[in-house]
Structure formats: structure tokens, C-alpha cells
Amino acid sequence: MVSVGSCSVDAFSQNPAPVAEWPGAEIAEGVAFQGDGSVTLDASAETGLPVLTFWRPVLHDEGSRYPVAGRMDCRIAASQGPFSEEDFDPAKRHKAVVEQRKEQGFIDSERLASGTDTVKKLDVIGRRNAPRSYYVLSYIMARDGDRLIDIRRNCTFVFGPAATKPDVLPFVNRYTKLIFAFAEQEP
């Protein structure tokens, strides 16, 4: 395990530090992950592929009189292979595992898709009851010529019992970033 970096205590405020100060690492050739928090690079025991872990404290209802403290934990991994139009479909990737995820207690509540001819993304937002947590599972696929980069970003959020239904996707977008060296656009 390699510690890629961590931010100062000041960076853990709800306002993110400038992106240039975020620690990060390359997860595939031409693709880097950055996060405003603690980033660690490891290898998957199952595949040997690099896996980045990221965490930071977060506040639900941060603008209210009684914000609820929580934690954001993410795992990011990427694989690459030859490009095929059929495989360039994040919704198809999720559909292949949705039943298995239901059996594991994941309850999907919302799916948001976006994309271009170069990068496609599907964010699956939901919760688990035991242990009580919320998640954003992102399928991000990028085309680089004849190469397809397939990225999973799985962020889990644990809050105190006072958090009723936190809106977790903005935390993912606020504190994590993928950078594509070969693409004009970033997700």
C-alpha cells in the first residue's frame, strides 16, 4: 500500500481546496484520479489492478442549524481493453450486476446518465439498510482511439442517525475528479 497524499486539516472544511492541491494518482494510462481528502494507492487482491481509496469527513445539511457529521469513503479502479461500441455502455455494465447487488442489500433509488462520443457516465445512487449507508456507484467509460477505459468509482457515505435522506451525489462531484489526458472533456 502506498500513501499518495493527504490534505491539511484546513482542507477538510466543506469548501474544497483548489484542485491543484488535491492528491491523486494515475489509474490507467492517460487517466488520473484526484480527491480533496486522503488518497491511497493499492492493488486489488482479486485482479492485481491499481485501486485508489479515498476518504474525507463530510457534513449533511451543512447549511442548517444542526448539520450531521459523516464520512465519505471511495474506491476507484480502472481496466482497459480494445474499444467496441457494444461495450461502450455503462447502463449495460450495471444491468449485468444489478440482481447480485440487490441480493447484497443495495437499493438503487436513482440513475443519472450523461456522456459524449468520448466519455460516458452512469451514476447509480442508493442506500443499504444493514449497515445503514448511502452510495454513489459511478460507471465511467472513456474512448481513447482503439482503447476503452472502464472505470468504477464506488463512494459510500455513513452519517449519524439524524441524517434522513442525504443528497450524496454533490459530495462526489465536489470532492473527487477524474482527469483524461487524451480527451477534450472531463466528466
C-alpha atoms as a PDB file:
ATOM      1  CA  MET A   1       0.000   0.000   0.000  1.00  0.00           C
ATOM      2  CA  VAL A   2       1.319   3.448  -0.931  1.00  0.00           C
ATOM      3  CA  SER A   3       0.034   6.640   0.621  1.00  0.00           C
ATOM      4  CA  VAL A   4      -0.307   9.028  -2.281  1.00  0.00           C
ATOM      5  CA  GLY A   5      -1.057  12.038  -0.145  1.00  0.00           C
ATOM      6  CA  SER A   6      -3.351  13.722   2.236  1.00  0.00           C
ATOM      7  CA  CYS A   7      -4.561  17.242   2.782  1.00  0.00           C
ATOM      8  CA  SER A   8      -4.123  19.557   5.716  1.00  0.00           C
ATOM      9  CA  VAL A   9      -6.785  19.955   8.387  1.00  0.00           C
ATOM     10  CA  ASP A  10      -7.886  23.211   6.712  1.00  0.00           C
ATOM     11  CA  ALA A  11      -8.690  21.256   3.539  1.00  0.00           C
ATOM     12  CA  PHE A  12     -11.277  19.196   5.425  1.00  0.00           C
ATOM     13  CA  SER A  13     -13.630  22.130   5.661  1.00  0.00           C
ATOM     14  CA  GLN A  14     -16.689  21.771   3.459  1.00  0.00           C
ATOM     15  CA  ASN A  15     -15.197  24.132   0.864  1.00  0.00           C
ATOM     16  CA  PRO A  16     -12.741  22.118  -1.207  1.00  0.00           C
ATOM     17  CA  ALA A  17      -9.141  23.205  -1.593  1.00  0.00           C
ATOM     18  CA  PRO A  18      -8.021  24.277  -5.085  1.00  0.00           C
ATOM     19  CA  VAL A  19      -7.867  21.208  -7.368  1.00  0.00           C
ATOM     20  CA  ALA A  20      -4.144  21.779  -7.971  1.00  0.00           C
ATOM     21  CA  GLU A  21      -3.569  20.964  -4.273  1.00  0.00           C
ATOM     22  CA  TRP A  22      -5.526  17.680  -4.284  1.00  0.00           C
ATOM     23  CA  PRO A  23      -3.520  14.453  -4.039  1.00  0.00           C
ATOM     24  CA  GLY A  24      -4.062  11.868  -6.753  1.00  0.00           C
ATOM     25  CA  ALA A  25      -2.616   9.149  -8.944  1.00  0.00           C
ATOM     26  CA  GLU A  26      -2.864   7.674 -12.418  1.00  0.00           C
ATOM     27  CA  ILE A  27      -5.344   4.762 -12.561  1.00  0.00           C
ATOM     28  CA  ALA A  28      -4.856   3.932 -16.257  1.00  0.00           C
ATOM     29  CA  GLU A  29      -2.642   5.342 -18.973  1.00  0.00           C
ATOM     30  CA  GLY A  30      -3.866   8.899 -19.548  1.00  0.00           C
ATOM     31  CA  VAL A  31      -6.416   8.802 -16.691  1.00  0.00           C
ATOM     32  CA  ALA A  32      -5.807  10.249 -13.228  1.00  0.00           C
ATOM     33  CA  PHE A  33      -7.970  10.464 -10.113  1.00  0.00           C
ATOM     34  CA  GLN A  34      -7.751  13.348  -7.663  1.00  0.00           C
ATOM     35  CA  GLY A  35      -9.581  13.807  -4.381  1.00  0.00           C
ATOM     36  CA  ASP A  36      -9.812  16.509  -1.731  1.00  0.00           C
ATOM     37  CA  GLY A  37      -9.014  14.215   1.167  1.00  0.00           C
ATOM     38  CA  SER A  38      -6.778  11.244   1.861  1.00  0.00           C
ATOM     39  CA  VAL A  39      -5.845   9.201  -1.240  1.00  0.00           C
ATOM     40  CA  THR A  40      -4.087   5.814  -1.029  1.00  0.00           C
ATOM     41  CA  LEU A  41      -2.934   3.603  -3.911  1.00  0.00           C
ATOM     42  CA  ASP A  42      -3.153  -0.175  -3.505  1.00  0.00           C
ATOM     43  CA  ALA A  43      -3.516  -3.238  -5.737  1.00  0.00           C
ATOM     44  CA  SER A  44      -6.689  -5.316  -5.934  1.00  0.00           C
ATOM     45  CA  ALA A  45      -6.211  -8.733  -4.334  1.00  0.00           C
ATOM     46  CA  GLU A  46      -8.515 -10.225  -6.989  1.00  0.00           C
ATOM     47  CA  THR A  47      -7.193  -8.613 -10.187  1.00  0.00           C
ATOM     48  CA  GLY A  48      -3.860  -7.015  -9.319  1.00  0.00           C
ATOM     49  CA  LEU A  49      -5.116  -3.775 -10.908  1.00  0.00           C
ATOM     50  CA  PRO A  50      -4.418  -0.497  -9.117  1.00  0.00           C
ATOM     51  CA  VAL A  51      -7.175   0.582  -6.745  1.00  0.00           C
ATOM     52  CA  LEU A  52      -7.303   4.021  -5.191  1.00  0.00           C
ATOM     53  CA  THR A  53      -9.043   4.520  -1.886  1.00  0.00           C
ATOM     54  CA  PHE A  54     -10.182   7.942  -0.788  1.00  0.00           C
ATOM     55  CA  TRP A  55     -11.891   9.262   2.322  1.00  0.00           C
ATOM     56  CA  ARG A  56     -12.844  12.545   3.912  1.00  0.00           C
ATOM     57  CA  PRO A  57     -15.286  13.832   6.533  1.00  0.00           C
ATOM     58  CA  VAL A  58     -18.485  15.445   5.221  1.00  0.00           C
ATOM     59  CA  LEU A  59     -21.468  17.317   6.675  1.00  0.00           C
ATOM     60  CA  HIS A  60     -25.078  16.575   5.731  1.00  0.00           C
ATOM     61  CA  ASP A  61     -27.402  19.601   5.983  1.00  0.00           C
ATOM     62  CA  GLU A  62     -24.277  21.758   6.252  1.00  0.00           C
ATOM     63  CA  GLY A  63     -26.290  24.976   5.940  1.00  0.00           C
ATOM     64  CA  SER A  64     -28.760  24.066   8.679  1.00  0.00           C
ATOM     65  CA  ARG A  65     -28.675  24.808  12.378  1.00  0.00           C
ATOM     66  CA  TYR A  66     -27.904  21.134  13.133  1.00  0.00           C
ATOM     67  CA  PRO A  67     -25.581  19.651  10.499  1.00  0.00           C
ATOM     68  CA  VAL A  68     -24.878  15.915  10.762  1.00  0.00           C
ATOM     69  CA  ALA A  69     -21.295  14.698  10.538  1.00  0.00           C
ATOM     70  CA  GLY A  70     -20.430  11.805   8.285  1.00  0.00           C
ATOM     71  CA  ARG A  71     -17.722  10.123   6.310  1.00  0.00           C
ATOM     72  CA  MET A  72     -17.208   9.605   2.575  1.00  0.00           C
ATOM     73  CA  ASP A  73     -15.221   6.504   1.528  1.00  0.00           C
ATOM     74  CA  CYS A  74     -14.463   5.816  -2.143  1.00  0.00           C
ATOM     75  CA  ARG A  75     -12.728   3.095  -4.128  1.00  0.00           C
ATOM     76  CA  ILE A  76     -11.694   3.828  -7.692  1.00  0.00           C
ATOM     77  CA  ALA A  77     -10.378   1.257 -10.168  1.00  0.00           C
ATOM     78  CA  ALA A  78      -9.928   1.115 -13.917  1.00  0.00           C
ATOM     79  CA  SER A  79      -9.343  -1.532 -16.539  1.00  0.00           C
ATOM     80  CA  GLN A  80      -8.641  -1.136 -20.217  1.00  0.00           C
ATOM     81  CA  GLY A  81      -9.082  -3.170 -23.348  1.00  0.00           C
ATOM     82  CA  PRO A  82      -9.940  -2.879 -27.011  1.00  0.00           C
ATOM     83  CA  PHE A  83     -12.765  -0.484 -27.857  1.00  0.00           C
ATOM     84  CA  SER A  84     -16.085  -1.876 -29.035  1.00  0.00           C
ATOM     85  CA  GLU A  85     -19.283   0.110 -29.488  1.00  0.00           C
ATOM     86  CA  GLU A  86     -21.242  -2.679 -27.747  1.00  0.00           C
ATOM     87  CA  ASP A  87     -19.089  -2.479 -24.602  1.00  0.00           C
ATOM     88  CA  PHE A  88     -19.190   1.354 -24.522  1.00  0.00           C
ATOM     89  CA  ASP A  89     -22.420   1.239 -22.486  1.00  0.00           C
ATOM     90  CA  PRO A  90     -22.352   1.971 -18.718  1.00  0.00           C
ATOM     91  CA  ALA A  91     -26.046   1.044 -18.294  1.00  0.00           C
ATOM     92  CA  LYS A  92     -25.362  -2.409 -19.739  1.00  0.00           C
ATOM     93  CA  ARG A  93     -22.487  -2.894 -17.256  1.00  0.00           C
ATOM     94  CA  HIS A  94     -24.756  -2.021 -14.337  1.00  0.00           C
ATOM     95  CA  LYS A  95     -27.601  -4.200 -15.592  1.00  0.00           C
ATOM     96  CA  ALA A  96     -25.225  -7.195 -15.540  1.00  0.00           C
ATOM     97  CA  VAL A  97     -24.733  -6.864 -11.751  1.00  0.00           C
ATOM     98  CA  VAL A  98     -27.982  -5.286 -10.536  1.00  0.00           C
ATOM     99  CA  GLU A  99     -29.566  -8.558  -9.291  1.00  0.00           C
ATOM    100  CA  GLN A 100     -26.420  -9.566  -7.424  1.00  0.00           C
ATOM    101  CA  ARG A 101     -26.275  -6.122  -5.819  1.00  0.00           C
ATOM    102  CA  LYS A 102     -29.946  -6.407  -4.729  1.00  0.00           C
ATOM    103  CA  GLU A 103     -29.139  -9.723  -3.036  1.00  0.00           C
ATOM    104  CA  GLN A 104     -26.304  -7.948  -1.194  1.00  0.00           C
ATOM    105  CA  GLY A 105     -28.755  -5.347   0.143  1.00  0.00           C
ATOM    106  CA  PHE A 106     -28.099  -2.448  -2.239  1.00  0.00           C
ATOM    107  CA  ILE A 107     -31.267  -0.468  -3.008  1.00  0.00           C
ATOM    108  CA  ASP A 108     -30.831   1.710  -6.099  1.00  0.00           C
ATOM    109  CA  SER A 109     -33.035   4.802  -5.998  1.00  0.00           C
ATOM    110  CA  GLU A 110     -31.808   6.922  -8.906  1.00  0.00           C
ATOM    111  CA  ARG A 111     -29.733   6.606 -12.083  1.00  0.00           C
ATOM    112  CA  LEU A 112     -28.242   9.586 -13.873  1.00  0.00           C
ATOM    113  CA  ALA A 113     -26.624   9.100 -17.282  1.00  0.00           C
ATOM    114  CA  SER A 114     -24.518  11.563 -19.232  1.00  0.00           C
ATOM    115  CA  GLY A 115     -21.925  11.405 -21.934  1.00  0.00           C
ATOM    116  CA  THR A 116     -20.331  12.248 -25.221  1.00  0.00           C
ATOM    117  CA  ASP A 117     -18.729  10.245 -28.020  1.00  0.00           C
ATOM    118  CA  THR A 118     -15.573  10.098 -25.879  1.00  0.00           C
ATOM    119  CA  VAL A 119     -16.766   9.687 -22.263  1.00  0.00           C
ATOM    120  CA  LYS A 120     -19.989   8.132 -20.915  1.00  0.00           C
ATOM    121  CA  LYS A 121     -21.030   8.043 -17.265  1.00  0.00           C
ATOM    122  CA  LEU A 122     -23.793   6.421 -15.231  1.00  0.00           C
ATOM    123  CA  ASP A 123     -24.185   7.406 -11.566  1.00  0.00           C
ATOM    124  CA  VAL A 124     -26.268   4.941  -9.541  1.00  0.00           C
ATOM    125  CA  ILE A 125     -27.430   6.458  -6.247  1.00  0.00           C
ATOM    126  CA  GLY A 126     -28.948   4.446  -3.425  1.00  0.00           C
ATOM    127  CA  ARG A 127     -28.701   3.081   0.094  1.00  0.00           C
ATOM    128  CA  ARG A 128     -28.228  -0.016   2.229  1.00  0.00           C
ATOM    129  CA  ASN A 129     -30.083  -0.733   5.437  1.00  0.00           C
ATOM    130  CA  ALA A 130     -27.597  -3.002   7.198  1.00  0.00           C
ATOM    131  CA  PRO A 131     -25.245  -1.342   7.750  1.00  0.00           C
ATOM    132  CA  ARG A 132     -27.143   1.902   7.142  1.00  0.00           C
ATOM    133  CA  SER A 133     -25.290   3.814   4.453  1.00  0.00           C
ATOM    134  CA  TYR A 134     -25.768   5.652   1.183  1.00  0.00           C
ATOM    135  CA  TYR A 135     -23.763   5.222  -2.006  1.00  0.00           C
ATOM    136  CA  VAL A 136     -22.938   6.567  -5.434  1.00  0.00           C
ATOM    137  CA  LEU A 137     -21.650   3.900  -7.804  1.00  0.00           C
ATOM    138  CA  SER A 138     -20.280   5.507 -10.964  1.00  0.00           C
ATOM    139  CA  TYR A 139     -19.591   3.648 -14.191  1.00  0.00           C
ATOM    140  CA  ILE A 140     -17.341   5.843 -16.311  1.00  0.00           C
ATOM    141  CA  MET A 141     -16.193   4.724 -19.737  1.00  0.00           C
ATOM    142  CA  ALA A 142     -13.755   6.592 -21.918  1.00  0.00           C
ATOM    143  CA  ARG A 143     -12.738   6.001 -25.507  1.00  0.00           C
ATOM    144  CA  ASP A 144      -9.144   6.718 -26.484  1.00  0.00           C
ATOM    145  CA  GLY A 145      -8.874   5.716 -30.139  1.00  0.00           C
ATOM    146  CA  ASP A 146      -8.982   1.907 -30.215  1.00  0.00           C
ATOM    147  CA  ARG A 147      -8.813   1.659 -26.410  1.00  0.00           C
ATOM    148  CA  LEU A 148     -11.718   1.509 -23.929  1.00  0.00           C
ATOM    149  CA  ILE A 149     -11.036   2.564 -20.345  1.00  0.00           C
ATOM    150  CA  ASP A 150     -13.632   1.198 -17.918  1.00  0.00           C
ATOM    151  CA  ILE A 151     -13.658   2.988 -14.540  1.00  0.00           C
ATOM    152  CA  ARG A 152     -15.632   2.241 -11.370  1.00  0.00           C
ATOM    153  CA  ARG A 153     -15.918   4.846  -8.637  1.00  0.00           C
ATOM    154  CA  ASN A 154     -17.797   3.487  -5.630  1.00  0.00           C
ATOM    155  CA  CYS A 155     -18.398   6.032  -2.863  1.00  0.00           C
ATOM    156  CA  THR A 156     -20.123   5.098   0.394  1.00  0.00           C
ATOM    157  CA  PHE A 157     -21.451   7.582   2.934  1.00  0.00           C
ATOM    158  CA  VAL A 158     -22.067   6.878   6.606  1.00  0.00           C
ATOM    159  CA  PHE A 159     -23.901   9.514   8.661  1.00  0.00           C
ATOM    160  CA  GLY A 160     -25.312   9.682  12.155  1.00  0.00           C
ATOM    161  CA  PRO A 161     -28.981   8.683  12.613  1.00  0.00           C
ATOM    162  CA  ALA A 162     -30.166  12.301  12.328  1.00  0.00           C
ATOM    163  CA  ALA A 163     -29.415  12.308   8.575  1.00  0.00           C
ATOM    164  CA  THR A 164     -32.718  11.368   6.951  1.00  0.00           C
ATOM    165  CA  LYS A 165     -32.031  11.322   3.210  1.00  0.00           C
ATOM    166  CA  PRO A 166     -28.745  12.978   2.375  1.00  0.00           C
ATOM    167  CA  ASP A 167     -28.121  14.162  -1.174  1.00  0.00           C
ATOM    168  CA  VAL A 168     -24.787  12.389  -1.677  1.00  0.00           C
ATOM    169  CA  LEU A 169     -24.001  12.908  -5.386  1.00  0.00           C
ATOM    170  CA  PRO A 170     -22.946  16.556  -4.871  1.00  0.00           C
ATOM    171  CA  PHE A 171     -20.282  15.346  -2.398  1.00  0.00           C
ATOM    172  CA  VAL A 172     -18.808  13.043  -5.070  1.00  0.00           C
ATOM    173  CA  ASN A 173     -18.766  15.857  -7.621  1.00  0.00           C
ATOM    174  CA  ARG A 174     -17.369  18.361  -5.104  1.00  0.00           C
ATOM    175  CA  TYR A 175     -14.513  16.270  -3.690  1.00  0.00           C
ATOM    176  CA  THR A 176     -13.404  13.897  -6.482  1.00  0.00           C
ATOM    177  CA  LYS A 177     -12.210  14.441 -10.036  1.00  0.00           C
ATOM    178  CA  LEU A 178     -11.127  12.305 -12.971  1.00  0.00           C
ATOM    179  CA  ILE A 179      -8.731  13.821 -15.473  1.00  0.00           C
ATOM    180  CA  PHE A 180      -8.387  12.475 -19.001  1.00  0.00           C
ATOM    181  CA  ALA A 181      -5.148  13.433 -20.764  1.00  0.00           C
ATOM    182  CA  PHE A 182      -6.487  12.267 -24.139  1.00  0.00           C
ATOM    183  CA  ALA A 183      -9.989  13.805 -24.022  1.00  0.00           C
ATOM    184  CA  GLU A 184     -11.223  17.344 -24.553  1.00  0.00           C
ATOM    185  CA  GLN A 185     -13.967  16.920 -21.922  1.00  0.00           C
ATOM    186  CA  GLU A 186     -13.927  15.708 -18.332  1.00  0.00           C
ATOM    187  CA  PRO A 187     -16.943  14.060 -16.640  1.00  0.00           C
END
